[in-house]
């Protein structure tokens, strides 16, 4: 009985350790004035989130399917849809695959908008507070859904640009684990296995309606 309890305790410790290892820990770096200015403009843009699809029916199909996939993690339907619309908008706006962004959120915070990592990263995309000083405002809340997603997507876009489009290395930078495979593989797995979206099939289904 004692051994069983010890094994259970150990498994819980390992689980917590694994969770902490995947929490965001972007490293502060010097930004050129042009890059800083571009990122600041991105953060300051006050546009409201919306689905960005050529056919609104395809957008509704995407939203309904992704909402269903997230039902267990986010029981409140209104909140699910709010997060999904904002994630799709900010990802598209930053030139990112929205499904990849959902995979990153899955790994970083498990879609907990109030997540706080041991190193201080906050919110859905686990953004480090120093980014507020570099490209935003200290008065902004990184626990706000839209604000967090805008920061996170802007930062990931920046890392992709640094790495010339190399998603593996950009994800490593985002997590503060550049050069190690574990985190990029986790995001890629969530991206492709949990949040994959066949846009071509969806378009065909919409056209048949």
N, C-alpha and C. Protein backbone atom coordinates (compact mmCIF):
# COMPACT_ATOMS: atom_id res chain seq x y z
N UNK A 1 0.83 -1.21 0.00
CA UNK A 1 0.00 0.00 0.00
C UNK A 1 0.87 1.26 0.00
N UNK A 2 1.94 1.22 0.81
CA UNK A 2 2.85 2.36 0.88
C UNK A 2 3.54 2.57 -0.46
N UNK A 3 3.98 1.45 -1.07
CA UNK A 3 4.64 1.54 -2.37
C UNK A 3 3.71 2.11 -3.43
N UNK A 4 2.45 1.69 -3.39
CA UNK A 4 1.47 2.19 -4.34
C UNK A 4 1.27 3.69 -4.18
N UNK A 5 1.19 4.15 -2.93
CA UNK A 5 1.03 5.57 -2.66
C UNK A 5 2.25 6.36 -3.13
N UNK A 6 3.44 5.77 -2.94
CA UNK A 6 4.67 6.44 -3.37
C UNK A 6 4.72 6.57 -4.88
N UNK A 7 4.29 5.49 -5.57
CA UNK A 7 4.28 5.54 -7.03
C UNK A 7 3.28 6.58 -7.53
N UNK A 8 2.13 6.67 -6.87
CA UNK A 8 1.13 7.66 -7.25
C UNK A 8 1.67 9.07 -7.06
N UNK A 9 2.33 9.29 -5.92
CA UNK A 9 2.90 10.62 -5.64
C UNK A 9 3.96 10.97 -6.69
N UNK A 10 4.80 10.00 -7.03
CA UNK A 10 5.85 10.23 -8.01
C UNK A 10 5.27 10.58 -9.37
N UNK A 11 4.22 9.86 -9.76
CA UNK A 11 3.60 10.14 -11.06
C UNK A 11 3.01 11.54 -11.09
N UNK A 12 2.44 11.98 -9.96
CA UNK A 12 1.88 13.33 -9.89
C UNK A 12 2.98 14.38 -10.00
N UNK A 13 4.11 14.14 -9.35
CA UNK A 13 5.24 15.07 -9.41
C UNK A 13 5.76 15.17 -10.84
N UNK A 14 5.89 14.01 -11.50
CA UNK A 14 6.38 14.00 -12.87
C UNK A 14 5.43 14.72 -13.80
N UNK A 15 4.15 14.55 -13.58
CA UNK A 15 3.15 15.22 -14.42
C UNK A 15 3.25 16.73 -14.27
N UNK A 16 3.40 17.18 -13.02
CA UNK A 16 3.53 18.62 -12.77
C UNK A 16 4.81 19.17 -13.39
N UNK A 17 5.90 18.38 -13.27
CA UNK A 17 7.17 18.79 -13.85
C UNK A 17 7.07 18.91 -15.35
N UNK A 18 6.40 17.96 -15.99
CA UNK A 18 6.24 17.99 -17.43
C UNK A 18 5.44 19.21 -17.85
N UNK A 19 4.38 19.53 -17.10
CA UNK A 19 3.57 20.68 -17.41
C UNK A 19 4.39 21.96 -17.32
N UNK A 20 5.19 22.07 -16.28
CA UNK A 20 6.01 23.26 -16.10
C UNK A 20 7.02 23.40 -17.23
N UNK A 21 7.54 22.25 -17.72
CA UNK A 21 8.56 22.28 -18.75
C UNK A 21 8.04 22.83 -20.06
N UNK A 22 6.74 22.71 -20.28
CA UNK A 22 6.17 23.15 -21.54
C UNK A 22 5.57 24.55 -21.46
N UNK A 23 5.59 25.15 -20.27
CA UNK A 23 5.05 26.49 -20.14
C UNK A 23 5.98 27.48 -20.82
N UNK A 24 5.39 28.57 -21.36
CA UNK A 24 6.17 29.54 -22.12
C UNK A 24 7.28 30.19 -21.31
N UNK A 25 8.41 30.41 -21.95
CA UNK A 25 9.53 31.09 -21.28
C UNK A 25 10.35 31.82 -22.34
N UNK A 26 9.67 32.66 -23.13
CA UNK A 26 10.41 33.39 -24.15
C UNK A 26 11.51 34.21 -23.48
N UNK A 27 12.62 34.32 -24.17
CA UNK A 27 13.76 35.04 -23.61
C UNK A 27 13.82 36.46 -24.14
N UNK A 28 14.05 37.41 -23.24
CA UNK A 28 14.13 38.80 -23.66
C UNK A 28 15.34 38.99 -24.56
N UNK A 29 15.13 39.77 -25.59
CA UNK A 29 16.21 40.00 -26.56
C UNK A 29 16.13 41.44 -27.05
N UNK A 30 17.23 41.92 -27.58
CA UNK A 30 17.25 43.26 -28.15
C UNK A 30 16.53 43.22 -29.50
N UNK A 31 15.67 44.19 -29.74
CA UNK A 31 14.95 44.29 -31.00
C UNK A 31 15.46 45.50 -31.77
N UNK A 32 15.62 45.35 -33.07
CA UNK A 32 15.97 46.51 -33.88
C UNK A 32 14.80 47.48 -33.85
N UNK A 33 15.07 48.75 -34.10
CA UNK A 33 14.01 49.76 -34.04
C UNK A 33 12.90 49.46 -35.04
N UNK A 34 13.24 48.94 -36.22
CA UNK A 34 12.23 48.65 -37.23
C UNK A 34 11.34 47.48 -36.81
N UNK A 35 11.96 46.44 -36.25
CA UNK A 35 11.19 45.28 -35.79
C UNK A 35 10.30 45.68 -34.62
N UNK A 36 10.86 46.42 -33.68
CA UNK A 36 10.09 46.86 -32.52
C UNK A 36 8.90 47.70 -32.96
N UNK A 37 9.12 48.59 -33.90
CA UNK A 37 8.04 49.45 -34.38
C UNK A 37 6.94 48.63 -35.06
N UNK A 38 7.33 47.64 -35.85
CA UNK A 38 6.35 46.79 -36.53
C UNK A 38 5.52 46.01 -35.52
N UNK A 39 6.18 45.45 -34.52
CA UNK A 39 5.47 44.68 -33.50
C UNK A 39 4.57 45.58 -32.66
N UNK A 40 5.02 46.79 -32.36
CA UNK A 40 4.20 47.74 -31.60
C UNK A 40 2.93 48.10 -32.36
N UNK A 41 3.07 48.29 -33.68
CA UNK A 41 1.88 48.61 -34.49
C UNK A 41 0.90 47.44 -34.49
N UNK A 42 1.43 46.24 -34.51
CA UNK A 42 0.58 45.05 -34.49
C UNK A 42 -0.21 44.98 -33.19
N UNK A 43 0.46 45.22 -32.08
CA UNK A 43 -0.20 45.15 -30.77
C UNK A 43 -1.22 46.28 -30.61
N UNK A 44 -0.90 47.46 -31.15
CA UNK A 44 -1.75 48.63 -30.96
C UNK A 44 -3.00 48.62 -31.85
N UNK A 45 -3.01 47.80 -32.87
CA UNK A 45 -4.16 47.74 -33.78
C UNK A 45 -5.42 47.34 -33.00
N UNK A 46 -6.42 48.17 -33.05
CA UNK A 46 -7.62 47.92 -32.23
C UNK A 46 -8.72 47.14 -32.93
N UNK A 47 -8.40 46.52 -34.07
CA UNK A 47 -9.43 45.79 -34.81
C UNK A 47 -10.02 44.67 -33.96
N UNK A 48 -11.32 44.48 -34.07
CA UNK A 48 -12.01 43.45 -33.31
C UNK A 48 -11.94 42.10 -34.04
N UNK A 49 -11.81 41.02 -33.29
CA UNK A 49 -11.67 39.70 -33.91
C UNK A 49 -12.91 39.30 -34.69
N UNK A 50 -12.68 38.58 -35.77
CA UNK A 50 -13.76 38.01 -36.58
C UNK A 50 -13.20 36.84 -37.36
N UNK A 51 -14.04 35.95 -37.78
CA UNK A 51 -13.58 34.84 -38.61
C UNK A 51 -13.20 35.36 -39.99
N UNK A 52 -12.08 34.87 -40.51
CA UNK A 52 -11.60 35.33 -41.81
C UNK A 52 -11.66 34.16 -42.80
N UNK A 53 -12.80 34.01 -43.42
CA UNK A 53 -13.02 32.97 -44.42
C UNK A 53 -13.64 33.60 -45.65
N UNK A 54 -13.28 33.09 -46.82
CA UNK A 54 -13.85 33.60 -48.07
C UNK A 54 -15.36 33.38 -48.09
N UNK A 55 -15.79 32.24 -47.55
CA UNK A 55 -17.21 31.90 -47.50
C UNK A 55 -17.62 31.82 -46.02
N UNK A 56 -18.53 32.67 -45.58
CA UNK A 56 -18.96 32.65 -44.18
C UNK A 56 -19.46 31.28 -43.71
N UNK A 57 -20.02 30.49 -44.64
CA UNK A 57 -20.52 29.17 -44.27
C UNK A 57 -19.36 28.24 -43.88
N UNK A 58 -18.23 28.41 -44.55
CA UNK A 58 -17.05 27.62 -44.19
C UNK A 58 -16.55 28.03 -42.81
N UNK A 59 -16.61 29.33 -42.54
CA UNK A 59 -16.20 29.81 -41.23
C UNK A 59 -17.07 29.24 -40.12
N UNK A 60 -18.36 29.19 -40.36
CA UNK A 60 -19.26 28.63 -39.35
C UNK A 60 -19.03 27.14 -39.17
N UNK A 61 -18.72 26.44 -40.28
CA UNK A 61 -18.42 25.01 -40.18
C UNK A 61 -17.16 24.78 -39.35
N UNK A 62 -16.14 25.62 -39.58
CA UNK A 62 -14.89 25.53 -38.81
C UNK A 62 -15.15 25.79 -37.34
N UNK A 63 -15.90 26.84 -37.07
CA UNK A 63 -16.17 27.23 -35.68
C UNK A 63 -16.95 26.14 -34.95
N UNK A 64 -17.93 25.56 -35.63
CA UNK A 64 -18.75 24.51 -35.01
C UNK A 64 -17.90 23.28 -34.70
N UNK A 65 -17.02 22.90 -35.64
CA UNK A 65 -16.21 21.70 -35.43
C UNK A 65 -15.17 21.92 -34.34
N UNK A 66 -14.47 23.05 -34.37
CA UNK A 66 -13.45 23.32 -33.35
C UNK A 66 -14.09 23.49 -31.97
N UNK A 67 -15.27 24.07 -31.94
CA UNK A 67 -15.98 24.24 -30.67
C UNK A 67 -16.32 22.88 -30.08
N UNK A 68 -16.73 21.97 -30.93
CA UNK A 68 -17.06 20.62 -30.45
C UNK A 68 -15.81 19.92 -29.90
N UNK A 69 -14.68 20.12 -30.57
CA UNK A 69 -13.44 19.47 -30.12
C UNK A 69 -12.98 20.03 -28.76
N UNK A 70 -13.32 21.27 -28.48
CA UNK A 70 -12.87 21.90 -27.24
C UNK A 70 -13.91 21.85 -26.13
N UNK A 71 -15.03 21.19 -26.37
CA UNK A 71 -16.13 21.21 -25.41
C UNK A 71 -15.73 20.71 -24.02
N UNK A 72 -14.88 19.69 -23.95
CA UNK A 72 -14.48 19.16 -22.65
C UNK A 72 -13.52 20.10 -21.92
N UNK A 73 -12.69 20.80 -22.67
CA UNK A 73 -11.73 21.69 -22.04
C UNK A 73 -12.36 23.02 -21.64
N UNK A 74 -13.31 23.49 -22.46
CA UNK A 74 -13.97 24.76 -22.17
C UNK A 74 -15.48 24.51 -22.25
N UNK A 75 -16.10 24.15 -21.14
CA UNK A 75 -17.53 23.78 -21.15
C UNK A 75 -18.46 24.90 -21.61
N UNK A 76 -18.09 26.15 -21.34
CA UNK A 76 -18.95 27.27 -21.71
C UNK A 76 -18.85 27.56 -23.21
N UNK A 77 -19.94 27.39 -23.93
CA UNK A 77 -19.92 27.53 -25.39
C UNK A 77 -19.57 28.96 -25.82
N UNK A 78 -20.10 29.94 -25.13
CA UNK A 78 -19.80 31.33 -25.48
C UNK A 78 -18.30 31.59 -25.39
N UNK A 79 -17.67 31.11 -24.31
CA UNK A 79 -16.24 31.33 -24.13
C UNK A 79 -15.44 30.56 -25.17
N UNK A 80 -15.87 29.34 -25.49
CA UNK A 80 -15.18 28.56 -26.53
C UNK A 80 -15.16 29.34 -27.84
N UNK A 81 -16.31 29.82 -28.24
CA UNK A 81 -16.41 30.53 -29.51
C UNK A 81 -15.63 31.84 -29.48
N UNK A 82 -15.63 32.51 -28.36
CA UNK A 82 -14.88 33.75 -28.24
C UNK A 82 -13.38 33.50 -28.44
N UNK A 83 -12.87 32.48 -27.79
CA UNK A 83 -11.45 32.13 -27.91
C UNK A 83 -11.12 31.70 -29.34
N UNK A 84 -11.97 30.88 -29.93
CA UNK A 84 -11.71 30.37 -31.27
C UNK A 84 -11.73 31.48 -32.31
N UNK A 85 -12.70 32.37 -32.23
CA UNK A 85 -12.77 33.47 -33.19
C UNK A 85 -11.53 34.36 -33.06
N UNK A 86 -11.16 34.69 -31.83
CA UNK A 86 -9.98 35.54 -31.62
C UNK A 86 -8.71 34.83 -32.08
N UNK A 87 -8.59 33.53 -31.80
CA UNK A 87 -7.40 32.78 -32.21
C UNK A 87 -7.30 32.72 -33.73
N UNK A 88 -8.41 32.46 -34.39
CA UNK A 88 -8.39 32.39 -35.86
C UNK A 88 -8.04 33.74 -36.46
N UNK A 89 -8.63 34.80 -35.92
CA UNK A 89 -8.38 36.13 -36.45
C UNK A 89 -6.92 36.54 -36.26
N UNK A 90 -6.41 36.40 -35.04
CA UNK A 90 -5.04 36.83 -34.77
C UNK A 90 -4.00 35.99 -35.51
N UNK A 91 -4.26 34.69 -35.63
CA UNK A 91 -3.35 33.82 -36.38
C UNK A 91 -3.33 34.23 -37.85
N UNK A 92 -4.51 34.39 -38.43
CA UNK A 92 -4.59 34.76 -39.84
C UNK A 92 -3.95 36.12 -40.08
N UNK A 93 -4.22 37.04 -39.19
CA UNK A 93 -3.66 38.39 -39.28
C UNK A 93 -2.13 38.38 -39.25
N UNK A 94 -1.57 37.45 -38.49
CA UNK A 94 -0.11 37.35 -38.37
C UNK A 94 0.50 36.43 -39.43
N UNK A 95 -0.33 35.88 -40.30
CA UNK A 95 0.18 34.97 -41.33
C UNK A 95 0.55 33.60 -40.79
N UNK A 96 -0.16 33.17 -39.75
CA UNK A 96 0.09 31.87 -39.13
C UNK A 96 -1.06 30.93 -39.43
N UNK A 97 -0.79 29.63 -39.37
CA UNK A 97 -1.85 28.64 -39.51
C UNK A 97 -2.66 28.63 -38.21
N UNK A 98 -3.96 28.94 -38.26
CA UNK A 98 -4.76 28.93 -37.03
C UNK A 98 -4.73 27.59 -36.31
N UNK A 99 -4.61 26.49 -37.07
CA UNK A 99 -4.59 25.17 -36.43
C UNK A 99 -3.30 24.98 -35.64
N UNK A 100 -2.20 25.54 -36.14
CA UNK A 100 -0.94 25.47 -35.40
C UNK A 100 -1.05 26.27 -34.10
N UNK A 101 -1.70 27.43 -34.17
CA UNK A 101 -1.87 28.25 -32.98
C UNK A 101 -2.72 27.53 -31.94
N UNK A 102 -3.76 26.82 -32.39
CA UNK A 102 -4.56 26.03 -31.45
C UNK A 102 -3.72 24.93 -30.81
N UNK A 103 -2.85 24.30 -31.61
CA UNK A 103 -1.96 23.28 -31.07
C UNK A 103 -1.01 23.86 -30.03
N UNK A 104 -0.51 25.06 -30.29
CA UNK A 104 0.41 25.71 -29.34
C UNK A 104 -0.33 26.04 -28.03
N UNK A 105 -1.54 26.57 -28.15
CA UNK A 105 -2.32 26.89 -26.94
C UNK A 105 -2.59 25.62 -26.14
N UNK A 106 -2.91 24.54 -26.85
CA UNK A 106 -3.18 23.25 -26.20
C UNK A 106 -1.99 22.84 -25.32
N UNK A 107 -0.79 22.99 -25.86
CA UNK A 107 0.41 22.58 -25.15
C UNK A 107 0.80 23.59 -24.06
N UNK A 108 0.71 24.87 -24.38
CA UNK A 108 1.17 25.90 -23.46
C UNK A 108 0.28 26.04 -22.22
N UNK A 109 -1.03 26.10 -22.42
CA UNK A 109 -1.92 26.42 -21.30
C UNK A 109 -3.10 25.48 -21.15
N UNK A 110 -3.29 24.56 -22.10
CA UNK A 110 -4.47 23.70 -22.06
C UNK A 110 -5.75 24.51 -22.18
N UNK A 111 -5.67 25.69 -22.83
CA UNK A 111 -6.80 26.59 -23.03
C UNK A 111 -7.31 27.20 -21.72
N UNK A 112 -6.43 27.30 -20.74
CA UNK A 112 -6.74 28.00 -19.50
C UNK A 112 -6.29 29.45 -19.64
N UNK A 113 -7.23 30.36 -19.78
CA UNK A 113 -6.87 31.76 -20.04
C UNK A 113 -6.25 32.43 -18.82
N UNK A 114 -6.33 31.81 -17.66
CA UNK A 114 -5.72 32.36 -16.45
C UNK A 114 -4.44 31.61 -16.06
N UNK A 115 -3.92 30.82 -16.96
CA UNK A 115 -2.71 30.03 -16.66
C UNK A 115 -1.54 30.96 -16.33
N UNK A 116 -0.77 30.56 -15.32
CA UNK A 116 0.42 31.31 -14.90
C UNK A 116 1.53 30.31 -14.66
N UNK A 117 2.61 30.41 -15.42
CA UNK A 117 3.69 29.43 -15.31
C UNK A 117 4.64 29.80 -14.18
N UNK A 118 5.49 28.87 -13.75
CA UNK A 118 6.47 29.16 -12.68
C UNK A 118 7.42 30.30 -13.02
N UNK A 119 7.62 30.56 -14.34
CA UNK A 119 8.53 31.64 -14.73
C UNK A 119 7.79 32.94 -15.04
N UNK A 120 6.46 32.94 -14.82
CA UNK A 120 5.70 34.17 -14.97
C UNK A 120 4.96 34.35 -16.28
N UNK A 121 5.06 33.36 -17.19
CA UNK A 121 4.32 33.47 -18.45
C UNK A 121 2.83 33.39 -18.18
N UNK A 122 2.05 34.12 -18.97
CA UNK A 122 0.63 34.30 -18.64
C UNK A 122 -0.32 34.01 -19.79
N UNK A 123 -1.48 33.49 -19.41
CA UNK A 123 -2.59 33.39 -20.34
C UNK A 123 -2.52 32.24 -21.31
N UNK A 124 -3.40 32.28 -22.29
CA UNK A 124 -3.58 31.20 -23.25
C UNK A 124 -2.28 30.83 -23.96
N UNK A 125 -1.54 31.83 -24.43
CA UNK A 125 -0.32 31.55 -25.18
C UNK A 125 0.93 31.76 -24.33
N UNK A 126 0.74 31.87 -23.02
CA UNK A 126 1.85 31.96 -22.07
C UNK A 126 2.90 33.00 -22.48
N UNK A 127 2.45 34.24 -22.51
CA UNK A 127 3.30 35.36 -22.90
C UNK A 127 4.05 35.90 -21.69
N UNK A 128 5.34 36.13 -21.87
CA UNK A 128 6.15 36.69 -20.79
C UNK A 128 5.88 38.19 -20.65
N UNK A 129 5.76 38.70 -19.42
CA UNK A 129 5.42 40.11 -19.19
C UNK A 129 6.40 41.12 -19.78
N UNK A 130 7.67 40.74 -20.00
CA UNK A 130 8.61 41.73 -20.52
C UNK A 130 8.20 42.23 -21.91
N UNK A 131 7.38 41.43 -22.61
CA UNK A 131 6.93 41.87 -23.94
C UNK A 131 6.06 43.12 -23.86
N UNK A 132 5.38 43.30 -22.75
CA UNK A 132 4.57 44.52 -22.60
C UNK A 132 5.46 45.77 -22.63
N UNK A 133 6.60 45.68 -21.99
CA UNK A 133 7.53 46.81 -21.99
C UNK A 133 8.14 47.03 -23.36
N UNK A 134 8.42 45.95 -24.08
CA UNK A 134 9.09 46.05 -25.38
C UNK A 134 8.17 46.51 -26.50
N UNK A 135 6.96 45.98 -26.53
CA UNK A 135 6.11 46.23 -27.70
C UNK A 135 4.68 46.68 -27.35
N UNK A 136 4.36 46.77 -26.06
CA UNK A 136 2.99 47.10 -25.69
C UNK A 136 2.92 48.11 -24.58
N UNK A 137 2.03 47.82 -23.64
CA UNK A 137 1.81 48.74 -22.52
C UNK A 137 1.65 47.94 -21.23
N UNK A 138 2.26 48.41 -20.13
CA UNK A 138 2.12 47.71 -18.84
C UNK A 138 0.67 47.63 -18.37
N UNK A 139 -0.18 48.52 -18.89
CA UNK A 139 -1.57 48.51 -18.47
C UNK A 139 -2.41 47.42 -19.12
N UNK A 140 -1.86 46.76 -20.13
CA UNK A 140 -2.60 45.69 -20.79
C UNK A 140 -2.55 44.41 -19.96
N UNK A 141 -3.65 43.69 -19.93
CA UNK A 141 -3.69 42.44 -19.18
C UNK A 141 -3.41 41.26 -20.09
N UNK A 142 -2.39 40.50 -19.76
CA UNK A 142 -2.06 39.31 -20.55
C UNK A 142 -3.00 38.15 -20.25
N UNK A 143 -3.91 38.35 -19.31
CA UNK A 143 -4.95 37.34 -19.05
C UNK A 143 -6.21 37.63 -19.88
N UNK A 144 -6.25 38.79 -20.52
CA UNK A 144 -7.35 39.09 -21.43
C UNK A 144 -7.19 38.24 -22.69
N UNK A 145 -8.25 37.61 -23.12
CA UNK A 145 -8.18 36.66 -24.23
C UNK A 145 -7.62 37.30 -25.49
N UNK A 146 -8.22 38.37 -25.93
CA UNK A 146 -7.80 38.99 -27.18
C UNK A 146 -6.38 39.55 -27.09
N UNK A 147 -6.09 40.23 -25.99
CA UNK A 147 -4.74 40.80 -25.81
C UNK A 147 -3.68 39.71 -25.83
N UNK A 148 -3.93 38.62 -25.12
CA UNK A 148 -2.95 37.54 -25.05
C UNK A 148 -2.72 36.91 -26.42
N UNK A 149 -3.78 36.67 -27.15
CA UNK A 149 -3.65 36.06 -28.47
C UNK A 149 -2.95 36.99 -29.44
N UNK A 150 -3.21 38.28 -29.32
CA UNK A 150 -2.54 39.23 -30.21
C UNK A 150 -1.04 39.27 -29.92
N UNK A 151 -0.68 39.32 -28.65
CA UNK A 151 0.74 39.26 -28.30
C UNK A 151 1.36 37.95 -28.78
N UNK A 152 0.73 36.83 -28.44
CA UNK A 152 1.30 35.53 -28.76
C UNK A 152 1.53 35.34 -30.24
N UNK A 153 0.55 35.71 -31.06
CA UNK A 153 0.69 35.53 -32.51
C UNK A 153 1.71 36.49 -33.09
N UNK A 154 1.78 37.71 -32.56
CA UNK A 154 2.78 38.68 -33.00
C UNK A 154 4.19 38.18 -32.68
N UNK A 155 4.36 37.62 -31.49
CA UNK A 155 5.67 37.09 -31.08
C UNK A 155 6.06 35.88 -31.92
N UNK A 156 5.13 34.97 -32.14
CA UNK A 156 5.45 33.78 -32.94
C UNK A 156 5.79 34.17 -34.37
N UNK A 157 5.09 35.14 -34.92
CA UNK A 157 5.41 35.64 -36.26
C UNK A 157 6.83 36.19 -36.29
N UNK A 158 7.20 36.91 -35.25
CA UNK A 158 8.55 37.47 -35.13
C UNK A 158 9.59 36.35 -35.13
N UNK A 159 9.34 35.30 -34.36
CA UNK A 159 10.28 34.19 -34.31
C UNK A 159 10.36 33.45 -35.64
N UNK A 160 9.25 33.32 -36.33
CA UNK A 160 9.27 32.69 -37.66
C UNK A 160 10.10 33.52 -38.63
N UNK A 161 9.99 34.83 -38.55
CA UNK A 161 10.78 35.69 -39.43
C UNK A 161 12.27 35.55 -39.12
N UNK A 162 12.61 35.50 -37.84
CA UNK A 162 14.01 35.32 -37.45
C UNK A 162 14.56 34.01 -38.01
N UNK A 163 13.74 32.97 -37.98
CA UNK A 163 14.17 31.64 -38.40
C UNK A 163 13.84 31.34 -39.86
N UNK A 164 13.54 32.40 -40.62
CA UNK A 164 13.28 32.25 -42.06
C UNK A 164 12.21 31.20 -42.37
N UNK A 165 11.16 31.21 -41.55
CA UNK A 165 10.04 30.30 -41.80
C UNK A 165 10.19 28.91 -41.24
N UNK A 166 11.26 28.64 -40.52
CA UNK A 166 11.48 27.31 -39.93
C UNK A 166 10.59 27.17 -38.70
N UNK A 167 9.49 26.44 -38.85
CA UNK A 167 8.50 26.32 -37.77
C UNK A 167 9.10 25.64 -36.54
N UNK A 168 9.90 24.59 -36.76
CA UNK A 168 10.50 23.85 -35.66
C UNK A 168 11.33 24.78 -34.77
N UNK A 169 12.20 25.59 -35.37
CA UNK A 169 13.06 26.47 -34.60
C UNK A 169 12.27 27.64 -34.00
N UNK A 170 11.28 28.13 -34.73
CA UNK A 170 10.46 29.22 -34.21
C UNK A 170 9.70 28.78 -32.96
N UNK A 171 9.17 27.57 -32.98
CA UNK A 171 8.47 27.04 -31.81
C UNK A 171 9.44 26.88 -30.64
N UNK A 172 10.65 26.45 -30.93
CA UNK A 172 11.66 26.33 -29.88
C UNK A 172 11.96 27.67 -29.24
N UNK A 173 12.07 28.71 -30.06
CA UNK A 173 12.30 30.04 -29.52
C UNK A 173 11.11 30.48 -28.66
N UNK A 174 9.92 30.18 -29.14
CA UNK A 174 8.73 30.61 -28.42
C UNK A 174 8.71 30.02 -27.00
N UNK A 175 9.13 28.79 -26.89
CA UNK A 175 9.12 28.10 -25.60
C UNK A 175 10.40 28.31 -24.79
N UNK A 176 11.38 28.96 -25.39
CA UNK A 176 12.67 29.12 -24.72
C UNK A 176 13.47 27.84 -24.69
N UNK A 177 13.22 26.96 -25.68
CA UNK A 177 13.93 25.68 -25.71
C UNK A 177 14.52 25.43 -27.10
N UNK A 178 15.04 26.48 -27.71
CA UNK A 178 15.59 26.38 -29.05
C UNK A 178 16.64 25.28 -29.15
N UNK A 179 16.48 24.41 -30.16
CA UNK A 179 17.44 23.34 -30.39
C UNK A 179 17.02 22.01 -29.81
N UNK A 180 15.95 22.02 -28.98
CA UNK A 180 15.45 20.76 -28.41
C UNK A 180 14.14 20.38 -29.10
N UNK A 181 13.96 19.10 -29.31
CA UNK A 181 12.84 18.63 -30.13
C UNK A 181 11.53 18.46 -29.37
N UNK A 182 11.59 18.31 -28.06
CA UNK A 182 10.41 17.92 -27.30
C UNK A 182 9.23 18.87 -27.51
N UNK A 183 9.45 20.16 -27.29
CA UNK A 183 8.34 21.10 -27.36
C UNK A 183 7.78 21.23 -28.78
N UNK A 184 8.62 21.48 -29.80
CA UNK A 184 8.06 21.54 -31.16
C UNK A 184 7.28 20.29 -31.54
N UNK A 185 7.77 19.12 -31.12
CA UNK A 185 7.07 17.88 -31.43
C UNK A 185 5.70 17.81 -30.75
N UNK A 186 5.61 18.31 -29.52
CA UNK A 186 4.34 18.33 -28.82
C UNK A 186 3.33 19.23 -29.53
N UNK A 187 3.78 20.42 -29.92
CA UNK A 187 2.89 21.35 -30.62
C UNK A 187 2.48 20.76 -31.96
N UNK A 188 3.44 20.21 -32.68
CA UNK A 188 3.13 19.61 -33.98
C UNK A 188 2.13 18.48 -33.83
N UNK A 189 2.29 17.66 -32.80
CA UNK A 189 1.37 16.56 -32.56
C UNK A 189 -0.05 17.04 -32.28
N UNK A 190 -0.17 18.07 -31.43
CA UNK A 190 -1.50 18.63 -31.13
C UNK A 190 -2.09 19.27 -32.38
N UNK A 191 -1.27 19.97 -33.12
CA UNK A 191 -1.68 20.65 -34.35
C UNK A 191 -2.28 19.65 -35.35
N UNK A 192 -1.55 18.57 -35.61
CA UNK A 192 -1.96 17.63 -36.65
C UNK A 192 -2.96 16.58 -36.16
N UNK A 193 -2.89 16.21 -34.90
CA UNK A 193 -3.75 15.13 -34.41
C UNK A 193 -5.04 15.60 -33.75
N UNK A 194 -5.01 16.79 -33.16
CA UNK A 194 -6.20 17.27 -32.44
C UNK A 194 -6.96 18.37 -33.17
N UNK A 195 -6.22 19.19 -33.92
CA UNK A 195 -6.87 20.37 -34.50
C UNK A 195 -6.73 20.47 -36.02
N UNK A 196 -6.39 19.35 -36.67
CA UNK A 196 -6.29 19.36 -38.13
C UNK A 196 -7.63 19.74 -38.74
N UNK A 197 -7.56 20.47 -39.83
CA UNK A 197 -8.78 20.95 -40.50
C UNK A 197 -8.59 20.81 -42.00
N UNK A 198 -9.45 20.07 -42.63
CA UNK A 198 -9.39 19.86 -44.07
C UNK A 198 -10.20 20.95 -44.76
N UNK A 199 -9.54 22.04 -45.10
CA UNK A 199 -10.23 23.19 -45.69
C UNK A 199 -10.84 22.84 -47.04
N UNK A 200 -10.14 22.00 -47.82
CA UNK A 200 -10.65 21.63 -49.14
C UNK A 200 -11.95 20.84 -49.00
N UNK A 201 -11.97 19.88 -48.09
CA UNK A 201 -13.18 19.09 -47.88
C UNK A 201 -14.33 19.96 -47.38
N UNK A 202 -13.99 20.89 -46.48
CA UNK A 202 -15.01 21.79 -45.95
C UNK A 202 -15.60 22.66 -47.05
N UNK A 203 -14.73 23.14 -47.95
CA UNK A 203 -15.18 23.98 -49.06
C UNK A 203 -16.12 23.20 -49.98
N UNK A 204 -15.77 21.95 -50.24
CA UNK A 204 -16.61 21.11 -51.09
C UNK A 204 -17.98 20.86 -50.46
N UNK A 205 -17.99 20.63 -49.15
CA UNK A 205 -19.24 20.41 -48.45
C UNK A 205 -20.12 21.65 -48.49
N UNK A 206 -19.49 22.81 -48.32
CA UNK A 206 -20.23 24.07 -48.38
C UNK A 206 -20.83 24.28 -49.76
N UNK A 207 -20.05 23.95 -50.81
CA UNK A 207 -20.50 24.15 -52.18
C UNK A 207 -21.69 23.25 -52.52
N UNK A 208 -21.79 22.12 -51.84
CA UNK A 208 -22.87 21.16 -52.11
C UNK A 208 -24.17 21.53 -51.41
N UNK A 209 -24.12 22.48 -50.50
CA UNK A 209 -25.32 22.84 -49.75
C UNK A 209 -26.28 23.67 -50.61
